Amino acid sequence: MHGIAIREELMDEWKNRGVREEKEFAILTAEILKVAFGMAPSQYKKFKGLKRENLRDHIDDLELIFSMLGEASTTKIARSKNTKGLNRE
């Protein structure tokens, strides 16, 4: 449950900072997962043998902790640096 709250806080923070499109959320989320697991979400799904299943529904406790750490850290960084929108450069 706490993982959901951390994820929602990050989504709200991104919305407040101008991230609006679903594609932008996907790009930002993918970057967090790349750092946490060393591969893109699509690669990680393949690594875990998933096809259409939601990756988040098939991670263990330690993977969840790393995901939560990445999301909480990203929220904190967005606030401290007062980021705006998605920089695609």
N, C-alpha and C. Protein backbone atom coordinates (compact mmCIF):
# COMPACT_ATOMS: atom_id res chain seq x y z
N MET A 1 0.82 -1.20 0.00
CA MET A 1 0.00 0.00 0.00
C MET A 1 0.86 1.26 0.00
N HIS A 2 1.94 1.22 0.76
CA HIS A 2 2.80 2.40 0.83
C HIS A 2 3.45 2.68 -0.53
N GLY A 3 3.74 1.59 -1.27
CA GLY A 3 4.30 1.75 -2.60
C GLY A 3 3.36 2.50 -3.53
N ILE A 4 2.08 2.24 -3.40
CA ILE A 4 1.07 2.94 -4.21
C ILE A 4 1.05 4.42 -3.85
N ALA A 5 1.13 4.73 -2.57
CA ALA A 5 1.11 6.13 -2.12
C ALA A 5 2.33 6.88 -2.65
N ILE A 6 3.49 6.24 -2.64
CA ILE A 6 4.70 6.89 -3.15
C ILE A 6 4.57 7.13 -4.64
N ARG A 7 4.05 6.15 -5.35
CA ARG A 7 3.84 6.28 -6.80
C ARG A 7 2.85 7.40 -7.11
N GLU A 8 1.76 7.46 -6.38
CA GLU A 8 0.76 8.51 -6.60
C GLU A 8 1.32 9.90 -6.29
N GLU A 9 2.14 9.99 -5.25
CA GLU A 9 2.76 11.28 -4.91
C GLU A 9 3.65 11.74 -6.06
N LEU A 10 4.41 10.83 -6.66
CA LEU A 10 5.26 11.17 -7.79
C LEU A 10 4.41 11.61 -8.98
N MET A 11 3.35 10.87 -9.28
CA MET A 11 2.48 11.24 -10.41
C MET A 11 1.87 12.63 -10.20
N ASP A 12 1.42 12.90 -8.99
CA ASP A 12 0.87 14.22 -8.67
C ASP A 12 1.92 15.31 -8.83
N GLU A 13 3.13 15.02 -8.39
CA GLU A 13 4.22 16.00 -8.50
C GLU A 13 4.51 16.30 -9.96
N TRP A 14 4.58 15.26 -10.78
CA TRP A 14 4.84 15.47 -12.20
C TRP A 14 3.71 16.26 -12.84
N LYS A 15 2.47 15.95 -12.50
CA LYS A 15 1.33 16.71 -13.04
C LYS A 15 1.43 18.18 -12.65
N ASN A 16 1.77 18.45 -11.40
CA ASN A 16 1.91 19.83 -10.92
C ASN A 16 3.05 20.56 -11.62
N ARG A 17 3.96 19.81 -12.19
CA ARG A 17 5.12 20.41 -12.84
C ARG A 17 5.00 20.41 -14.37
N GLY A 18 3.80 20.12 -14.86
CA GLY A 18 3.54 20.28 -16.29
C GLY A 18 3.61 19.02 -17.13
N VAL A 19 3.82 17.87 -16.53
CA VAL A 19 3.80 16.63 -17.29
C VAL A 19 2.34 16.25 -17.48
N ARG A 20 1.90 16.15 -18.72
CA ARG A 20 0.49 15.92 -18.99
C ARG A 20 0.22 14.66 -19.81
N GLU A 21 1.07 14.39 -20.77
CA GLU A 21 0.83 13.30 -21.70
C GLU A 21 1.24 11.95 -21.11
N GLU A 22 0.46 10.94 -21.44
CA GLU A 22 0.77 9.58 -20.96
C GLU A 22 2.16 9.14 -21.41
N LYS A 23 2.53 9.55 -22.62
CA LYS A 23 3.85 9.18 -23.15
C LYS A 23 4.97 9.79 -22.29
N GLU A 24 4.75 11.01 -21.80
CA GLU A 24 5.76 11.64 -20.95
C GLU A 24 5.91 10.90 -19.63
N PHE A 25 4.79 10.47 -19.04
CA PHE A 25 4.85 9.69 -17.81
C PHE A 25 5.61 8.39 -18.06
N ALA A 26 5.36 7.76 -19.21
CA ALA A 26 6.03 6.50 -19.55
C ALA A 26 7.53 6.70 -19.70
N ILE A 27 7.94 7.79 -20.34
CA ILE A 27 9.36 8.09 -20.52
C ILE A 27 10.04 8.29 -19.18
N LEU A 28 9.42 9.09 -18.32
CA LEU A 28 10.01 9.37 -17.01
C LEU A 28 10.08 8.11 -16.14
N THR A 29 9.02 7.33 -16.16
CA THR A 29 8.99 6.09 -15.39
C THR A 29 10.06 5.12 -15.89
N ALA A 30 10.22 5.03 -17.20
CA ALA A 30 11.23 4.15 -17.78
C ALA A 30 12.63 4.54 -17.32
N GLU A 31 12.88 5.83 -17.22
CA GLU A 31 14.20 6.28 -16.76
C GLU A 31 14.47 5.84 -15.32
N ILE A 32 13.46 5.91 -14.48
CA ILE A 32 13.61 5.46 -13.08
C ILE A 32 13.93 3.96 -13.06
N LEU A 33 13.21 3.19 -13.85
CA LEU A 33 13.43 1.75 -13.87
C LEU A 33 14.78 1.38 -14.46
N LYS A 34 15.25 2.14 -15.44
CA LYS A 34 16.58 1.89 -16.00
C LYS A 34 17.65 2.02 -14.93
N VAL A 35 17.51 3.05 -14.10
CA VAL A 35 18.48 3.25 -13.03
C VAL A 35 18.35 2.15 -11.97
N ALA A 36 17.13 1.81 -11.61
CA ALA A 36 16.90 0.82 -10.55
C ALA A 36 17.32 -0.59 -10.96
N PHE A 37 17.06 -0.97 -12.21
CA PHE A 37 17.28 -2.36 -12.63
C PHE A 37 18.32 -2.54 -13.73
N GLY A 38 18.85 -1.45 -14.24
CA GLY A 38 19.90 -1.55 -15.25
C GLY A 38 19.41 -1.90 -16.64
N MET A 39 18.11 -1.83 -16.85
CA MET A 39 17.56 -2.09 -18.19
C MET A 39 16.20 -1.41 -18.33
N ALA A 40 15.82 -1.20 -19.56
CA ALA A 40 14.52 -0.57 -19.85
C ALA A 40 13.40 -1.50 -19.40
N PRO A 41 12.22 -0.94 -19.12
CA PRO A 41 11.09 -1.78 -18.69
C PRO A 41 10.79 -2.93 -19.66
N SER A 42 10.85 -2.67 -20.95
CA SER A 42 10.57 -3.73 -21.93
C SER A 42 11.61 -4.85 -21.83
N GLN A 43 12.87 -4.49 -21.61
CA GLN A 43 13.92 -5.50 -21.43
C GLN A 43 13.71 -6.27 -20.14
N TYR A 44 13.30 -5.57 -19.10
CA TYR A 44 13.11 -6.21 -17.80
C TYR A 44 11.92 -7.17 -17.84
N LYS A 45 10.86 -6.77 -18.56
CA LYS A 45 9.71 -7.66 -18.73
C LYS A 45 10.13 -8.93 -19.46
N LYS A 46 10.93 -8.78 -20.50
CA LYS A 46 11.42 -9.93 -21.25
C LYS A 46 12.30 -10.81 -20.35
N PHE A 47 13.17 -10.19 -19.58
CA PHE A 47 14.04 -10.89 -18.64
C PHE A 47 13.22 -11.74 -17.65
N LYS A 48 12.08 -11.20 -17.22
CA LYS A 48 11.22 -11.89 -16.26
C LYS A 48 10.22 -12.84 -16.93
N GLY A 49 10.24 -12.90 -18.28
CA GLY A 49 9.36 -13.80 -19.01
C GLY A 49 7.92 -13.32 -19.10
N LEU A 50 7.72 -12.01 -19.04
CA LEU A 50 6.38 -11.44 -19.12
C LEU A 50 6.06 -11.02 -20.55
N LYS A 51 4.82 -11.09 -20.90
CA LYS A 51 4.39 -10.66 -22.23
C LYS A 51 3.57 -9.37 -22.10
N ARG A 52 2.29 -9.50 -21.78
CA ARG A 52 1.41 -8.34 -21.66
C ARG A 52 1.13 -7.96 -20.21
N GLU A 53 1.65 -8.77 -19.29
CA GLU A 53 1.40 -8.52 -17.87
C GLU A 53 2.07 -7.22 -17.41
N ASN A 54 1.50 -6.64 -16.38
CA ASN A 54 2.06 -5.44 -15.78
C ASN A 54 3.31 -5.82 -14.98
N LEU A 55 4.41 -5.21 -15.31
CA LEU A 55 5.68 -5.50 -14.62
C LEU A 55 5.56 -5.31 -13.13
N ARG A 56 4.90 -4.24 -12.73
CA ARG A 56 4.77 -3.92 -11.30
C ARG A 56 4.04 -5.02 -10.52
N ASP A 57 3.19 -5.77 -11.19
CA ASP A 57 2.46 -6.86 -10.55
C ASP A 57 3.32 -8.12 -10.41
N HIS A 58 4.52 -8.12 -10.98
CA HIS A 58 5.36 -9.31 -10.99
C HIS A 58 6.77 -9.03 -10.46
N ILE A 59 6.88 -8.09 -9.55
CA ILE A 59 8.18 -7.84 -8.93
C ILE A 59 8.13 -8.29 -7.47
N ASP A 60 9.29 -8.68 -6.97
CA ASP A 60 9.35 -9.14 -5.58
C ASP A 60 9.54 -7.96 -4.64
N ASP A 61 9.61 -8.25 -3.37
CA ASP A 61 9.70 -7.18 -2.36
C ASP A 61 10.91 -6.29 -2.55
N LEU A 62 12.06 -6.87 -2.84
CA LEU A 62 13.27 -6.08 -3.01
C LEU A 62 13.16 -5.18 -4.24
N GLU A 63 12.61 -5.71 -5.33
CA GLU A 63 12.41 -4.91 -6.53
C GLU A 63 11.44 -3.77 -6.26
N LEU A 64 10.42 -4.05 -5.48
CA LEU A 64 9.46 -3.01 -5.10
C LEU A 64 10.14 -1.91 -4.29
N ILE A 65 11.00 -2.31 -3.37
CA ILE A 65 11.73 -1.34 -2.56
C ILE A 65 12.60 -0.44 -3.43
N PHE A 66 13.32 -1.03 -4.39
CA PHE A 66 14.15 -0.23 -5.30
C PHE A 66 13.29 0.71 -6.14
N SER A 67 12.14 0.23 -6.60
CA SER A 67 11.24 1.09 -7.37
C SER A 67 10.74 2.24 -6.52
N MET A 68 10.34 1.94 -5.28
CA MET A 68 9.85 2.98 -4.37
C MET A 68 10.95 4.00 -4.07
N LEU A 69 12.18 3.52 -3.87
CA LEU A 69 13.30 4.43 -3.62
C LEU A 69 13.52 5.36 -4.80
N GLY A 70 13.47 4.81 -6.01
CA GLY A 70 13.63 5.63 -7.21
C GLY A 70 12.52 6.66 -7.34
N GLU A 71 11.30 6.26 -7.06
CA GLU A 71 10.16 7.19 -7.17
C GLU A 71 10.20 8.27 -6.10
N ALA A 72 10.52 7.89 -4.87
CA ALA A 72 10.60 8.86 -3.78
C ALA A 72 11.75 9.84 -4.01
N SER A 73 12.88 9.33 -4.49
CA SER A 73 14.03 10.19 -4.79
C SER A 73 13.71 11.16 -5.91
N THR A 74 13.02 10.67 -6.93
CA THR A 74 12.64 11.52 -8.06
C THR A 74 11.71 12.64 -7.61
N THR A 75 10.77 12.33 -6.73
CA THR A 75 9.86 13.35 -6.20
C THR A 75 10.65 14.41 -5.47
N LYS A 76 11.58 13.97 -4.65
CA LYS A 76 12.39 14.91 -3.86
C LYS A 76 13.26 15.79 -4.77
N ILE A 77 13.85 15.19 -5.79
CA ILE A 77 14.68 15.95 -6.73
C ILE A 77 13.85 16.97 -7.49
N ALA A 78 12.66 16.56 -7.96
CA ALA A 78 11.79 17.48 -8.70
C ALA A 78 11.46 18.70 -7.84
N ARG A 79 11.20 18.46 -6.57
CA ARG A 79 10.88 19.58 -5.67
C ARG A 79 12.09 20.46 -5.40
N SER A 80 13.23 19.86 -5.10
CA SER A 80 14.40 20.64 -4.73
C SER A 80 14.96 21.43 -5.91
N LYS A 81 14.83 20.89 -7.13
CA LYS A 81 15.34 21.58 -8.32
C LYS A 81 14.25 22.40 -9.01
N ASN A 82 13.01 22.31 -8.48
CA ASN A 82 11.88 23.04 -9.05
C ASN A 82 11.76 22.80 -10.56
N THR A 83 11.77 21.52 -10.93
CA THR A 83 11.71 21.16 -12.35
C THR A 83 10.36 21.53 -12.96
N LYS A 84 10.37 21.68 -14.27
CA LYS A 84 9.14 22.01 -15.02
C LYS A 84 9.07 21.13 -16.26
N GLY A 85 7.98 20.40 -16.41
CA GLY A 85 7.74 19.62 -17.61
C GLY A 85 8.78 18.56 -17.87
N LEU A 86 8.79 18.07 -19.11
CA LEU A 86 9.72 17.04 -19.53
C LEU A 86 10.69 17.65 -20.51
N ASN A 87 11.97 17.63 -20.16
CA ASN A 87 13.01 18.13 -21.04
C ASN A 87 13.44 17.00 -21.96
N ARG A 88 13.15 17.12 -23.24
CA ARG A 88 13.43 16.04 -24.19
C ARG A 88 14.76 16.23 -24.92
N GLU A 89 15.63 17.02 -24.40
CA GLU A 89 16.93 17.26 -25.07
C GLU A 89 17.91 16.19 -24.73
